[in-house]
Amino acid sequence: MLAWGRTALSLFVAAMVFLRWLPHYGLWILVLVSAAGAIAGGIYGTQRGRYSARVRGIATGKFHSDVAAVFFISGSVLLLGVLGLIILLTT
């Protein structure tokens, strides 16, 4: 649970750092800020459900990894990188 909380916090902080680029790159940075904020919010919003599922899995001895969540965050980071490159190359 702590790792996902740190990940959400890191994405939120990254979104706030992106705001510093607003004067230089214009309003397109708001797309990057919105994407990072939405991903951070999604992680934060689903954190309790993931935690409860892991606790039940440990208690019953039927623990399964949340592969979908790992793929989601990997894809999200890739998306943020691509958006950042697009913004940098088009302005």
N, C-alpha and C. Protein backbone atom coordinates (compact mmCIF):
# COMPACT_ATOMS: atom_id res chain seq x y z
N MET A 1 0.83 -1.19 0.00
CA MET A 1 0.00 0.00 0.00
C MET A 1 0.88 1.25 0.00
N LEU A 2 1.96 1.20 0.73
CA LEU A 2 2.83 2.37 0.78
C LEU A 2 3.48 2.67 -0.56
N ALA A 3 3.84 1.63 -1.30
CA ALA A 3 4.49 1.84 -2.60
C ALA A 3 3.55 2.54 -3.56
N TRP A 4 2.28 2.12 -3.59
CA TRP A 4 1.33 2.78 -4.48
C TRP A 4 1.06 4.21 -4.03
N GLY A 5 1.05 4.44 -2.72
CA GLY A 5 0.88 5.81 -2.22
C GLY A 5 2.03 6.70 -2.62
N ARG A 6 3.24 6.17 -2.55
CA ARG A 6 4.41 6.95 -2.99
C ARG A 6 4.37 7.20 -4.49
N THR A 7 3.90 6.23 -5.24
CA THR A 7 3.79 6.41 -6.69
C THR A 7 2.80 7.51 -7.01
N ALA A 8 1.65 7.50 -6.36
CA ALA A 8 0.65 8.54 -6.59
C ALA A 8 1.19 9.92 -6.19
N LEU A 9 1.87 9.98 -5.06
CA LEU A 9 2.45 11.25 -4.61
C LEU A 9 3.51 11.73 -5.60
N SER A 10 4.33 10.82 -6.11
CA SER A 10 5.36 11.19 -7.07
C SER A 10 4.76 11.75 -8.35
N LEU A 11 3.69 11.13 -8.83
CA LEU A 11 3.03 11.63 -10.03
C LEU A 11 2.40 13.00 -9.79
N PHE A 12 1.84 13.20 -8.61
CA PHE A 12 1.25 14.50 -8.28
C PHE A 12 2.33 15.57 -8.23
N VAL A 13 3.47 15.26 -7.62
CA VAL A 13 4.58 16.22 -7.55
C VAL A 13 5.11 16.50 -8.95
N ALA A 14 5.20 15.48 -9.79
CA ALA A 14 5.64 15.68 -11.18
C ALA A 14 4.67 16.61 -11.91
N ALA A 15 3.38 16.46 -11.67
CA ALA A 15 2.39 17.34 -12.29
C ALA A 15 2.60 18.79 -11.86
N MET A 16 2.93 18.98 -10.60
CA MET A 16 3.17 20.35 -10.12
C MET A 16 4.47 20.92 -10.71
N VAL A 17 5.47 20.07 -10.91
CA VAL A 17 6.71 20.53 -11.54
C VAL A 17 6.45 20.91 -12.99
N PHE A 18 5.57 20.15 -13.67
CA PHE A 18 5.23 20.49 -15.05
C PHE A 18 4.64 21.89 -15.16
N LEU A 19 3.95 22.33 -14.11
CA LEU A 19 3.36 23.68 -14.14
C LEU A 19 4.41 24.77 -14.27
N ARG A 20 5.62 24.48 -13.83
CA ARG A 20 6.70 25.48 -13.96
C ARG A 20 7.06 25.72 -15.42
N TRP A 21 6.75 24.77 -16.29
CA TRP A 21 7.05 24.90 -17.71
C TRP A 21 5.97 25.67 -18.46
N LEU A 22 4.88 26.00 -17.80
CA LEU A 22 3.75 26.67 -18.45
C LEU A 22 4.15 27.95 -19.18
N PRO A 23 4.94 28.84 -18.60
CA PRO A 23 5.29 30.06 -19.34
C PRO A 23 6.13 29.79 -20.60
N HIS A 24 6.92 28.75 -20.56
CA HIS A 24 7.81 28.48 -21.69
C HIS A 24 7.13 27.69 -22.81
N TYR A 25 6.32 26.68 -22.46
CA TYR A 25 5.72 25.80 -23.46
C TYR A 25 4.25 26.07 -23.71
N GLY A 26 3.64 26.95 -22.96
CA GLY A 26 2.26 27.33 -23.22
C GLY A 26 1.24 26.38 -22.60
N LEU A 27 0.03 26.52 -23.07
CA LEU A 27 -1.09 25.79 -22.48
C LEU A 27 -1.05 24.28 -22.74
N TRP A 28 -0.22 23.81 -23.67
CA TRP A 28 -0.11 22.37 -23.92
C TRP A 28 0.40 21.63 -22.69
N ILE A 29 1.10 22.32 -21.83
CA ILE A 29 1.59 21.69 -20.61
C ILE A 29 0.42 21.25 -19.73
N LEU A 30 -0.71 21.93 -19.84
CA LEU A 30 -1.87 21.55 -19.03
C LEU A 30 -2.37 20.15 -19.39
N VAL A 31 -2.13 19.71 -20.62
CA VAL A 31 -2.47 18.34 -20.99
C VAL A 31 -1.62 17.36 -20.18
N LEU A 32 -0.35 17.66 -20.09
CA LEU A 32 0.57 16.82 -19.32
C LEU A 32 0.22 16.85 -17.83
N VAL A 33 -0.09 18.02 -17.32
CA VAL A 33 -0.47 18.16 -15.91
C VAL A 33 -1.75 17.39 -15.63
N SER A 34 -2.72 17.52 -16.53
CA SER A 34 -4.00 16.82 -16.34
C SER A 34 -3.81 15.31 -16.38
N ALA A 35 -2.99 14.82 -17.32
CA ALA A 35 -2.76 13.38 -17.42
C ALA A 35 -2.08 12.86 -16.16
N ALA A 36 -1.04 13.53 -15.70
CA ALA A 36 -0.34 13.08 -14.49
C ALA A 36 -1.25 13.15 -13.27
N GLY A 37 -2.05 14.21 -13.18
CA GLY A 37 -2.98 14.33 -12.06
C GLY A 37 -4.06 13.26 -12.08
N ALA A 38 -4.57 12.95 -13.28
CA ALA A 38 -5.60 11.91 -13.39
C ALA A 38 -5.04 10.54 -13.04
N ILE A 39 -3.84 10.26 -13.47
CA ILE A 39 -3.21 8.97 -13.14
C ILE A 39 -2.98 8.87 -11.64
N ALA A 40 -2.47 9.95 -11.04
CA ALA A 40 -2.25 9.96 -9.59
C ALA A 40 -3.56 9.77 -8.84
N GLY A 41 -4.61 10.44 -9.29
CA GLY A 41 -5.92 10.29 -8.66
C GLY A 41 -6.47 8.89 -8.81
N GLY A 42 -6.25 8.29 -9.98
CA GLY A 42 -6.70 6.92 -10.20
C GLY A 42 -6.00 5.93 -9.29
N ILE A 43 -4.71 6.11 -9.13
CA ILE A 43 -3.95 5.24 -8.23
C ILE A 43 -4.45 5.42 -6.80
N TYR A 44 -4.62 6.67 -6.39
CA TYR A 44 -5.06 6.94 -5.03
C TYR A 44 -6.47 6.38 -4.78
N GLY A 45 -7.34 6.53 -5.79
CA GLY A 45 -8.72 6.07 -5.65
C GLY A 45 -8.87 4.56 -5.58
N THR A 46 -7.97 3.83 -6.21
CA THR A 46 -8.08 2.37 -6.22
C THR A 46 -7.16 1.70 -5.19
N GLN A 47 -6.44 2.48 -4.45
CA GLN A 47 -5.46 1.95 -3.50
C GLN A 47 -6.11 1.11 -2.41
N ARG A 48 -7.21 1.55 -1.85
CA ARG A 48 -7.85 0.83 -0.76
C ARG A 48 -8.36 -0.54 -1.23
N GLY A 49 -8.92 -0.59 -2.42
CA GLY A 49 -9.40 -1.87 -2.96
C GLY A 49 -8.26 -2.86 -3.18
N ARG A 50 -7.14 -2.38 -3.70
CA ARG A 50 -5.98 -3.25 -3.88
C ARG A 50 -5.47 -3.75 -2.54
N TYR A 51 -5.43 -2.88 -1.57
CA TYR A 51 -4.95 -3.26 -0.24
C TYR A 51 -5.86 -4.33 0.37
N SER A 52 -7.18 -4.12 0.29
CA SER A 52 -8.12 -5.09 0.86
C SER A 52 -8.00 -6.44 0.17
N ALA A 53 -7.83 -6.45 -1.15
CA ALA A 53 -7.69 -7.70 -1.88
C ALA A 53 -6.41 -8.43 -1.46
N ARG A 54 -5.34 -7.71 -1.22
CA ARG A 54 -4.09 -8.35 -0.80
C ARG A 54 -4.20 -8.91 0.61
N VAL A 55 -4.88 -8.19 1.49
CA VAL A 55 -5.07 -8.69 2.86
C VAL A 55 -5.89 -9.97 2.83
N ARG A 56 -6.98 -9.99 2.05
CA ARG A 56 -7.79 -11.22 1.94
C ARG A 56 -6.96 -12.36 1.34
N GLY A 57 -6.14 -12.04 0.34
CA GLY A 57 -5.31 -13.06 -0.29
C GLY A 57 -4.30 -13.66 0.67
N ILE A 58 -3.71 -12.83 1.49
CA ILE A 58 -2.75 -13.32 2.48
C ILE A 58 -3.46 -14.16 3.53
N ALA A 59 -4.65 -13.72 3.96
CA ALA A 59 -5.39 -14.44 5.00
C ALA A 59 -5.86 -15.80 4.51
N THR A 60 -6.24 -15.90 3.24
CA THR A 60 -6.75 -17.17 2.71
C THR A 60 -5.65 -18.02 2.08
N GLY A 61 -4.48 -17.46 1.89
CA GLY A 61 -3.40 -18.20 1.26
C GLY A 61 -3.50 -18.23 -0.25
N LYS A 62 -4.37 -17.41 -0.81
CA LYS A 62 -4.57 -17.36 -2.27
C LYS A 62 -4.23 -15.95 -2.76
N PHE A 63 -2.97 -15.64 -2.71
CA PHE A 63 -2.50 -14.30 -3.08
C PHE A 63 -2.14 -14.29 -4.56
N HIS A 64 -2.68 -13.31 -5.27
CA HIS A 64 -2.38 -13.14 -6.69
C HIS A 64 -1.84 -11.73 -6.93
N SER A 65 -0.86 -11.63 -7.78
CA SER A 65 -0.30 -10.32 -8.12
C SER A 65 -1.32 -9.53 -8.94
N ASP A 66 -1.25 -8.23 -8.81
CA ASP A 66 -2.14 -7.36 -9.59
C ASP A 66 -1.39 -6.92 -10.84
N VAL A 67 -1.36 -7.81 -11.81
CA VAL A 67 -0.61 -7.56 -13.04
C VAL A 67 -1.21 -6.39 -13.81
N ALA A 68 -2.52 -6.28 -13.80
CA ALA A 68 -3.18 -5.19 -14.53
C ALA A 68 -2.74 -3.82 -14.00
N ALA A 69 -2.61 -3.68 -12.69
CA ALA A 69 -2.19 -2.41 -12.11
C ALA A 69 -0.76 -2.08 -12.50
N VAL A 70 0.10 -3.07 -12.55
CA VAL A 70 1.49 -2.84 -12.94
C VAL A 70 1.56 -2.42 -14.42
N PHE A 71 0.79 -3.10 -15.28
CA PHE A 71 0.76 -2.71 -16.69
C PHE A 71 0.16 -1.32 -16.86
N PHE A 72 -0.85 -0.99 -16.05
CA PHE A 72 -1.47 0.34 -16.13
C PHE A 72 -0.46 1.43 -15.80
N ILE A 73 0.29 1.26 -14.72
CA ILE A 73 1.23 2.30 -14.34
C ILE A 73 2.39 2.37 -15.34
N SER A 74 2.80 1.23 -15.87
CA SER A 74 3.86 1.24 -16.89
C SER A 74 3.40 1.97 -18.14
N GLY A 75 2.19 1.67 -18.58
CA GLY A 75 1.64 2.36 -19.74
C GLY A 75 1.43 3.84 -19.49
N SER A 76 1.05 4.17 -18.28
CA SER A 76 0.83 5.57 -17.93
C SER A 76 2.12 6.37 -17.96
N VAL A 77 3.18 5.79 -17.44
CA VAL A 77 4.48 6.47 -17.46
C VAL A 77 4.96 6.63 -18.90
N LEU A 78 4.75 5.60 -19.71
CA LEU A 78 5.09 5.69 -21.13
C LEU A 78 4.29 6.79 -21.81
N LEU A 79 3.00 6.87 -21.51
CA LEU A 79 2.14 7.92 -22.06
C LEU A 79 2.63 9.30 -21.67
N LEU A 80 2.98 9.49 -20.42
CA LEU A 80 3.48 10.79 -19.98
C LEU A 80 4.77 11.16 -20.69
N GLY A 81 5.64 10.18 -20.89
CA GLY A 81 6.88 10.44 -21.62
C GLY A 81 6.64 10.83 -23.06
N VAL A 82 5.73 10.13 -23.72
CA VAL A 82 5.39 10.45 -25.10
C VAL A 82 4.74 11.82 -25.19
N LEU A 83 3.82 12.12 -24.29
CA LEU A 83 3.20 13.46 -24.29
C LEU A 83 4.25 14.53 -24.08
N GLY A 84 5.18 14.31 -23.16
CA GLY A 84 6.24 15.27 -22.92
C GLY A 84 7.10 15.50 -24.15
N LEU A 85 7.45 14.42 -24.84
CA LEU A 85 8.24 14.55 -26.07
C LEU A 85 7.48 15.30 -27.16
N ILE A 86 6.19 14.99 -27.30
CA ILE A 86 5.38 15.68 -28.30
C ILE A 86 5.34 17.18 -28.02
N ILE A 87 5.14 17.52 -26.76
CA ILE A 87 5.08 18.94 -26.38
C ILE A 87 6.41 19.61 -26.64
N LEU A 88 7.49 18.96 -26.27
CA LEU A 88 8.82 19.55 -26.48
C LEU A 88 9.15 19.71 -27.96
N LEU A 89 8.77 18.76 -28.78
CA LEU A 89 9.14 18.81 -30.19
C LEU A 89 8.23 19.71 -31.03
N THR A 90 7.02 19.98 -30.55
CA THR A 90 6.08 20.78 -31.34
C THR A 90 6.08 22.26 -30.93
N THR A 91 6.76 22.62 -29.86
CA THR A 91 6.74 24.04 -29.48
C THR A 91 8.08 24.68 -29.77
